[in-house]
C-alpha cells in the first residue's frame, strides 16, 4: 500500500486536509432521492475534501475499482444495507480488491418492527470484511448497532444518519411556527402486507383534508398516490424527474413542520429545526423515533385523530436536541478517528463551518 494512504488500526488517525474520498452511493442507480440526500449530507460534512461518487448498488467495474484505489479512503454512504442480504454490490471479492480503507458511515438495517435482520452467510462475510477495513465504522440506530455487534464486530459506533447534521448547526425549533405542513408519501411499505397501503392512503387523505399540506415525493412510484390526493384536495406536489433531493430541500425549507412515511425527509426537517411526525411500517422508522425521543405511528395501529392532534399541538423538542448533541459528538469523533477532515471539529466545540447553507460545496 502506498505510504501516503491511511493505515488500518484501532488507535485513530490524524486527519489530513484535502483528501481524495470515494463515496460509494446508492444514489447512482437508486429510484429513491433519499439516497441522494444522504450523499449530499456527507459531502457537506466533509467539505474541504475532494470527493468522487461511485455506485454502491451496481457492481463496480475494473476501471472504477482502480479509480477508487487512487483515493485515500472509501466511504459507504449509509442506507438500508443490513437486511436478509447485504443489500449492495460490495461482495467479498469486490471488497478484497479495494486497497484503501473503507468506512461504512451511518448504515442502517431494515426489518419487521420488533425483529432483527437475519442476513445470509455470504452477506455476513462481506460485512465482517468491510469492518476489517476501517478504524471504526458507524450505524444509524440502536438496532443496527445491536445487529452488527451480534456478528462479533466491535469496531462500530452509533452516530445517527449524516442527514441529521445537514443543517451544519444545532437545530433551532423556536422559529418553526411559520410555514405549512409538508407531508411525505411512500408507495412501497416495507416488511408488511401490501394491503396496508390502503391504510396509508386513508391517513394521507385525512391529513390533506385537515391541513391542506404540500406533498413531497422521493420516488416516481409515489406519484399515483400524490396525483389522486392533488385531484381530490388541490394540494401541491413537490417533485422533479431527475431524482435530486431538491424537492425535499424546498419542502423542508418552507415547512413549519413535516409528517409522513419517508424517514429521510423527516430527518432533514428535524435537521433544519422543523418538528417531524413519523409514520411507518418497519424498524427504520420505529428505531429512529425511539432513539430520538419522538412519537412513532405504526401504520397498522395508529389512529388519524392522534396524528392530527399531535400536528395541531406545540412540539417539545428538548429530548431530541439532547440526543442530537450526543450523536453529533459521536459523529465528529468517528470521522476524526478515521482521519477524515470534517466540519464538526472535535465534537466538543461549536461547528467549524461558518458559511451559509447555500455556499457549502456539494
Protein backbone atom coordinates (compact mmCIF):
# COMPACT_ATOMS: atom_id res chain seq x y z
CA UNK A 1 0.00 0.00 0.00
CA UNK A 2 1.46 3.42 -0.87
CA UNK A 3 2.95 5.25 2.07
CA UNK A 4 0.61 8.25 1.88
CA UNK A 5 -2.52 6.13 2.29
CA UNK A 6 -4.34 5.82 5.60
CA UNK A 7 -3.44 2.78 7.65
CA UNK A 8 -5.87 0.44 9.33
CA UNK A 9 -5.90 0.15 13.09
CA UNK A 10 -7.86 0.96 16.23
CA UNK A 11 -5.73 3.77 17.61
CA UNK A 12 -7.16 6.55 15.42
CA UNK A 13 -5.51 8.51 12.62
CA UNK A 14 -4.53 12.15 12.34
CA UNK A 15 -6.77 13.91 9.82
CA UNK A 16 -5.20 15.45 6.72
CA UNK A 17 -6.71 18.25 4.69
CA UNK A 18 -7.74 17.93 1.09
CA UNK A 19 -8.05 14.16 0.93
CA UNK A 20 -9.45 12.31 -2.06
CA UNK A 21 -12.54 10.45 -0.90
CA UNK A 22 -14.52 7.87 -2.85
CA UNK A 23 -18.21 7.98 -1.95
CA UNK A 24 -19.93 4.66 -2.63
CA UNK A 25 -23.51 5.82 -3.02
CA UNK A 26 -26.85 4.13 -3.67
CA UNK A 27 -27.93 7.37 -5.35
CA UNK A 28 -26.09 6.44 -8.56
CA UNK A 29 -28.72 3.87 -9.56
CA UNK A 30 -31.48 4.34 -6.97
CA UNK A 31 -35.06 5.39 -7.69
CA UNK A 32 -35.25 6.96 -4.22
CA UNK A 33 -33.92 10.51 -3.93
CA UNK A 34 -33.38 9.92 -0.22
CA UNK A 35 -30.10 8.28 -1.24
CA UNK A 36 -29.07 11.50 -2.99
CA UNK A 37 -29.89 13.38 0.22
CA UNK A 38 -27.66 11.09 2.28
CA UNK A 39 -24.79 11.58 -0.16
CA UNK A 40 -25.23 15.35 -0.18
CA UNK A 41 -25.28 15.43 3.61
CA UNK A 42 -21.96 13.57 3.68
CA UNK A 43 -20.49 15.99 1.13
CA UNK A 44 -21.49 18.88 3.38
CA UNK A 45 -19.94 17.27 6.45
CA UNK A 46 -16.69 16.64 4.57
CA UNK A 47 -16.44 20.00 2.79
CA UNK A 48 -12.81 20.74 2.02
CA UNK A 49 -12.04 17.27 0.71
CA UNK A 50 -12.10 16.17 -2.93
CA UNK A 51 -14.93 13.68 -3.42
CA UNK A 52 -15.92 11.40 -6.29
CA UNK A 53 -19.11 9.34 -6.35
CA UNK A 54 -19.21 5.64 -7.32
CA UNK A 55 -22.11 3.16 -7.44
CA UNK A 56 -22.97 1.14 -4.37
CA UNK A 57 -25.87 -0.92 -5.67
CA UNK A 58 -24.34 -1.76 -9.08
CA UNK A 59 -21.21 -3.87 -9.45
CA UNK A 60 -18.03 -1.82 -9.73
CA UNK A 61 -16.09 -2.10 -12.97
CA UNK A 62 -12.36 -2.76 -13.08
CA UNK A 63 -11.78 0.88 -14.01
CA UNK A 64 -13.92 2.13 -11.12
CA UNK A 65 -12.03 -0.05 -8.66
CA UNK A 66 -8.77 1.38 -9.99
CA UNK A 67 -10.12 4.92 -9.58
CA UNK A 68 -11.24 4.14 -6.03
CA UNK A 69 -7.78 2.80 -5.22
CA UNK A 70 -6.34 6.16 -6.27
CA UNK A 71 -8.30 7.80 -3.44
CA UNK A 72 -7.35 7.94 0.24
CA UNK A 73 -10.47 6.36 1.72
CA UNK A 74 -13.79 4.96 0.50
CA UNK A 75 -16.98 5.82 2.39
CA UNK A 76 -20.04 3.62 2.15
CA UNK A 77 -22.84 6.20 2.26
CA UNK A 78 -25.35 4.97 4.80
CA UNK A 79 -28.58 3.43 3.58
CA UNK A 80 -30.56 0.27 4.45
CA UNK A 81 -27.88 -2.33 3.77
CA UNK A 82 -28.39 -4.75 6.66
CA UNK A 83 -31.37 -6.87 5.60
CA UNK A 84 -31.85 -10.58 4.77
CA UNK A 85 -28.90 -9.96 2.44
CA UNK A 86 -26.14 -7.37 2.41
CA UNK A 87 -28.22 -5.14 0.15
CA UNK A 88 -25.49 -3.72 -2.09
CA UNK A 89 -22.91 -4.87 -4.62
CA UNK A 90 -19.98 -4.99 -2.18
CA UNK A 91 -19.42 -8.71 -2.31
CA UNK A 92 -16.36 -10.09 -0.52
CA UNK A 93 -14.41 -10.46 -3.78
CA UNK A 94 -15.00 -6.77 -4.59
CA UNK A 95 -14.04 -5.56 -1.11
CA UNK A 96 -10.81 -7.61 -1.31
CA UNK A 97 -9.80 -5.70 -4.46
CA UNK A 98 -10.15 -2.28 -2.82
CA UNK A 99 -6.76 -1.42 -1.35
CA UNK A 100 -7.66 1.66 0.69
CA UNK A 101 -9.55 1.91 3.99
CA UNK A 102 -13.34 1.63 3.73
CA UNK A 103 -15.75 3.32 6.13
CA UNK A 104 -19.44 2.37 6.46
CA UNK A 105 -20.99 5.66 7.59
CA UNK A 106 -24.43 5.77 9.20
CA UNK A 107 -25.55 2.46 7.68
CA UNK A 108 -28.87 1.06 8.88
CA UNK A 109 -30.87 -2.14 9.00
CA UNK A 110 -34.42 -2.82 7.90
CA UNK A 111 -36.65 -5.48 9.45
CA UNK A 112 -40.20 -6.01 10.68
CA UNK A 113 -40.94 -3.99 13.83
CA UNK A 114 -39.69 -5.87 16.89
CA UNK A 115 -37.35 -8.10 14.90
CA UNK A 116 -33.68 -8.13 13.92
CA UNK A 117 -32.40 -8.77 10.38
CA UNK A 118 -31.34 -12.33 9.57
CA UNK A 119 -28.70 -11.98 6.89
CA UNK A 120 -27.39 -14.84 4.78
CA UNK A 121 -23.87 -16.16 5.36
CA UNK A 122 -22.42 -14.53 2.27
CA UNK A 123 -23.70 -11.14 3.37
CA UNK A 124 -22.36 -11.56 6.88
CA UNK A 125 -18.94 -12.39 5.47
CA UNK A 126 -18.94 -9.19 3.42
CA UNK A 127 -19.99 -7.09 6.40
CA UNK A 128 -17.23 -8.53 8.59
CA UNK A 129 -14.64 -7.98 5.85
CA UNK A 130 -15.81 -4.40 5.39
CA UNK A 131 -15.40 -3.67 9.09
CA UNK A 132 -11.87 -5.05 8.96
CA UNK A 133 -11.03 -2.22 6.57
CA UNK A 134 -11.60 0.73 8.92
CA UNK A 135 -10.65 2.03 12.33
CA UNK A 136 -14.26 2.26 13.46
CA UNK A 137 -17.49 2.28 11.45
CA UNK A 138 -20.87 3.78 12.29
CA UNK A 139 -24.52 2.79 12.25
CA UNK A 140 -27.73 4.81 12.13
CA UNK A 141 -29.73 3.48 15.07
CA UNK A 142 -29.57 1.18 18.13
CA UNK A 143 -30.99 -1.90 16.40
CA UNK A 144 -28.39 -1.60 13.64
CA UNK A 145 -25.71 -1.40 16.34
CA UNK A 146 -27.11 -4.48 18.06
CA UNK A 147 -27.20 -6.35 14.78
CA UNK A 148 -23.59 -5.55 13.83
CA UNK A 149 -22.38 -6.48 17.31
CA UNK A 150 -24.28 -9.79 17.04
CA UNK A 151 -21.86 -10.67 14.22
CA UNK A 152 -18.95 -10.34 16.63
CA UNK A 153 -17.94 -6.95 15.22
CA UNK A 154 -16.72 -4.48 17.84
CA UNK A 155 -15.30 -1.54 15.85
CA UNK A 156 -18.66 0.17 15.43
CA UNK A 157 -20.31 3.21 17.00
CA UNK A 158 -23.79 4.72 16.97
CA UNK A 159 -23.67 8.10 15.20
CA UNK A 160 -27.08 8.51 13.59
CA UNK A 161 -27.51 9.24 9.90
CA UNK A 162 -25.46 12.03 8.26
CA UNK A 163 -28.75 13.67 7.22
CA UNK A 164 -29.34 14.58 10.89
CA UNK A 165 -26.46 17.04 10.54
CA UNK A 166 -27.48 18.51 7.19
CA UNK A 167 -28.04 21.97 8.69
CA UNK A 168 -24.40 22.12 9.92
CA UNK A 169 -25.57 23.58 13.23
CA UNK A 170 -27.74 22.58 16.16
CA UNK A 171 -31.42 22.64 15.13
CA UNK A 172 -33.41 25.58 16.50
CA UNK A 173 -37.09 24.73 16.77
CA UNK A 174 -38.20 28.12 18.11
CA UNK A 175 -38.75 29.50 14.59
CA UNK A 176 -40.79 26.58 13.26
CA UNK A 177 -44.22 28.26 13.56
CA UNK A 178 -44.27 29.92 10.15
CA UNK A 179 -44.96 27.88 7.04
CA UNK A 180 -47.15 24.98 6.07
CA UNK A 181 -47.32 21.29 6.82
CA UNK A 182 -45.34 19.23 4.29
CA UNK A 183 -46.25 15.55 4.04
CA UNK A 184 -44.12 12.76 2.54
CA UNK A 185 -45.61 9.88 0.56
CA UNK A 186 -44.31 6.32 0.28
CA UNK A 187 -45.84 3.70 -2.01
CA UNK A 188 -43.57 0.79 -1.07
CA UNK A 189 -44.20 -0.01 2.58
CA UNK A 190 -41.56 -2.41 3.89
CA UNK A 191 -41.99 -5.65 5.82
CA UNK A 192 -45.79 -5.65 5.92
CA UNK A 193 -48.51 -6.90 3.62
CA UNK A 194 -49.24 -4.73 0.54
CA UNK A 195 -52.83 -4.28 1.72
CA UNK A 196 -51.64 -1.77 4.34
CA UNK A 197 -51.03 0.74 1.55
CA UNK A 198 -54.78 1.41 1.64
CA UNK A 199 -54.44 2.43 5.28
CA UNK A 200 -51.63 4.83 4.33
CA UNK A 201 -53.91 6.39 1.73
CA UNK A 202 -56.60 6.90 4.39
CA UNK A 203 -54.09 8.66 6.66
CA UNK A 204 -52.83 10.87 3.85
CA UNK A 205 -56.39 11.73 2.88
CA UNK A 206 -57.15 12.78 6.47
CA UNK A 207 -54.03 14.97 6.62
CA UNK A 208 -54.85 16.64 3.30
CA UNK A 209 -58.41 17.28 4.38
CA UNK A 210 -57.37 18.73 7.74
CA UNK A 211 -54.23 20.74 6.88
CA UNK A 212 -54.06 21.32 3.10
CA UNK A 213 -50.34 20.40 3.09
CA UNK A 214 -47.78 20.22 0.28
CA UNK A 215 -46.82 16.66 -0.69
CA UNK A 216 -43.15 15.78 -1.17
CA UNK A 217 -42.09 12.74 -3.19
CA UNK A 218 -38.83 10.77 -3.14
CA UNK A 219 -39.64 8.29 -5.90
CA UNK A 220 -41.60 8.20 -9.16
CA UNK A 221 -43.54 5.26 -7.69
CA UNK A 222 -45.14 7.71 -5.23
CA UNK A 223 -46.73 9.83 -7.96
CA UNK A 224 -50.05 7.92 -8.43
CA UNK A 225 -50.97 8.39 -4.76
CA UNK A 226 -49.93 12.04 -4.86
CA UNK A 227 -51.92 12.70 -8.05
CA UNK A 228 -55.04 11.21 -6.52
CA UNK A 229 -54.69 13.42 -3.45
CA UNK A 230 -53.93 16.51 -5.54
CA UNK A 231 -57.00 15.94 -7.69
CA UNK A 232 -59.20 15.47 -4.65
CA UNK A 233 -57.83 18.16 -2.32
CA UNK A 234 -55.98 20.61 -4.61
CA UNK A 235 -52.70 20.12 -2.76
CA UNK A 236 -49.30 20.92 -4.28
CA UNK A 237 -46.82 18.21 -5.24
CA UNK A 238 -43.06 18.77 -4.80
CA UNK A 239 -41.15 16.51 -7.20
CA UNK A 240 -38.71 16.50 -10.08
CA UNK A 241 -37.84 13.83 -12.60
CA UNK A 242 -34.08 13.77 -12.10
CA UNK A 243 -34.33 12.21 -8.61
CA UNK A 244 -32.35 15.01 -6.99
CA UNK A 245 -33.08 15.93 -3.39
CA UNK A 246 -34.14 19.48 -4.36
CA UNK A 247 -37.89 18.88 -3.71
CA UNK A 248 -37.08 17.66 -0.20
CA UNK A 249 -34.88 20.68 0.43
CA UNK A 250 -37.62 23.00 -0.81
CA UNK A 251 -40.22 21.23 1.28
CA UNK A 252 -38.18 21.33 4.46
CA UNK A 253 -37.29 24.99 3.91
CA UNK A 254 -40.91 26.09 3.53
CA UNK A 255 -42.39 23.81 6.21
CA UNK A 256 -43.47 24.74 9.70
CA UNK A 257 -43.36 21.01 10.39
CA UNK A 258 -43.48 17.75 8.46
CA UNK A 259 -45.28 14.44 8.65
CA UNK A 260 -45.41 11.26 6.65
CA UNK A 261 -43.89 7.98 5.61
CA UNK A 262 -40.38 8.97 4.47
CA UNK A 263 -37.72 8.68 7.16
CA UNK A 264 -35.06 10.79 5.48
CA UNK A 265 -37.40 13.67 4.78
CA UNK A 266 -38.28 13.61 8.49
CA UNK A 267 -34.56 13.67 9.33
CA UNK A 268 -33.97 16.60 7.01
CA UNK A 269 -36.86 18.54 8.51
CA UNK A 270 -35.54 17.94 12.01
CA UNK A 271 -32.00 18.89 10.98
CA UNK A 272 -33.38 22.25 9.82
CA UNK A 273 -35.35 22.86 13.01
CA UNK A 274 -38.77 21.67 11.83
CA UNK A 275 -40.63 19.12 14.02
CA UNK A 276 -41.45 15.86 12.25
CA UNK A 277 -44.20 13.30 12.76
CA UNK A 278 -43.11 9.85 11.60
CA UNK A 279 -45.48 7.14 10.36
CA UNK A 280 -44.01 3.83 9.26
CA UNK A 281 -44.06 0.08 8.97
CA UNK A 282 -40.59 -1.22 9.89
CA UNK A 283 -37.60 -0.78 12.17
CA UNK A 284 -36.01 2.04 10.19
CA UNK A 285 -38.62 4.48 11.44
CA UNK A 286 -39.50 2.90 14.77
CA UNK A 287 -35.85 2.69 15.88
CA UNK A 288 -35.14 6.26 14.81
CA UNK A 289 -38.07 7.60 16.81
CA UNK A 290 -37.15 5.56 19.88
CA UNK A 291 -33.57 6.84 19.70
CA UNK A 292 -34.57 10.49 19.28
CA UNK A 293 -37.43 10.52 21.78
CA UNK A 294 -40.12 11.12 19.15
CA UNK A 295 -43.58 9.54 18.85
CA UNK A 296 -43.84 6.78 16.27
CA UNK A 297 -47.06 5.88 14.48
CA UNK A 298 -47.27 2.28 13.25
CA UNK A 299 -49.40 2.37 10.10
CA UNK A 300 -51.16 -0.82 11.24
CA UNK A 301 -52.39 0.53 14.57
CA UNK A 302 -52.35 4.34 14.55
CA UNK A 303 -55.48 6.48 14.53
CA UNK A 304 -55.98 9.51 12.30
CA UNK A 305 -57.21 11.60 15.23
CA UNK A 306 -53.98 11.00 17.20
CA UNK A 307 -51.78 12.12 14.31
CA UNK A 308 -53.96 15.20 13.70
CA UNK A 309 -53.87 16.07 17.40
CA UNK A 310 -50.07 15.90 17.50
CA UNK A 311 -49.74 18.07 14.41
CA UNK A 312 -52.11 20.66 15.89
CA UNK A 313 -50.24 20.87 19.21
CA UNK A 314 -46.92 22.59 20.06
CA UNK A 315 -43.89 20.30 19.88
CA UNK A 316 -41.48 19.71 22.73
CA UNK A 317 -38.06 19.02 21.22
CA UNK A 318 -35.78 19.17 24.29
CA UNK A 319 -35.19 15.41 24.31
CA UNK A 320 -34.46 15.36 20.61
CA UNK A 321 -31.93 18.16 20.95
CA UNK A 322 -30.06 16.44 23.78
CA UNK A 323 -29.76 13.26 21.74
CA UNK A 324 -28.73 15.23 18.63
CA UNK A 325 -25.85 16.77 20.59
CA UNK A 326 -24.64 13.35 21.75
CA UNK A 327 -24.83 11.93 18.22
CA UNK A 328 -23.05 14.95 16.83
CA UNK A 329 -20.16 14.34 19.25
CA UNK A 330 -20.11 10.67 18.26
CA UNK A 331 -20.08 11.50 14.53
CA UNK A 332 -17.25 14.02 14.94
CA UNK A 333 -15.22 11.54 16.98
CA UNK A 334 -15.76 8.78 14.42
CA UNK A 335 -14.68 10.93 11.47
CA UNK A 336 -11.63 12.15 13.36
CA UNK A 337 -10.62 8.62 14.39
CA UNK A 338 -10.76 7.64 10.73
CA UNK A 339 -8.54 10.58 9.80
CA UNK A 340 -11.16 12.46 7.78
CA UNK A 341 -11.23 16.24 7.82
CA UNK A 342 -14.77 17.43 8.56
CA UNK A 343 -16.78 20.47 9.64
CA UNK A 344 -17.75 19.03 13.02
CA UNK A 345 -14.45 19.90 14.70
CA UNK A 346 -13.52 17.82 17.73
CA UNK A 347 -17.11 17.08 18.71
CA UNK A 348 -16.95 19.28 21.80
CA UNK A 349 -16.65 22.75 20.32
CA UNK A 350 -19.09 24.51 18.02
CA UNK A 351 -19.29 23.55 14.36
CA UNK A 352 -16.26 24.83 12.49
CA UNK A 353 -18.14 25.79 9.30
CA UNK A 354 -19.34 29.40 9.46
CA UNK A 355 -20.77 29.89 5.97
CA UNK A 356 -24.35 29.79 4.79
CA UNK A 357 -26.22 26.64 3.78
CA UNK A 358 -26.21 27.80 0.18
CA UNK A 359 -22.43 28.09 -0.13
CA UNK A 360 -21.38 24.65 1.13
CA UNK A 361 -19.71 22.65 -1.66
CA UNK A 362 -21.80 19.76 -2.96
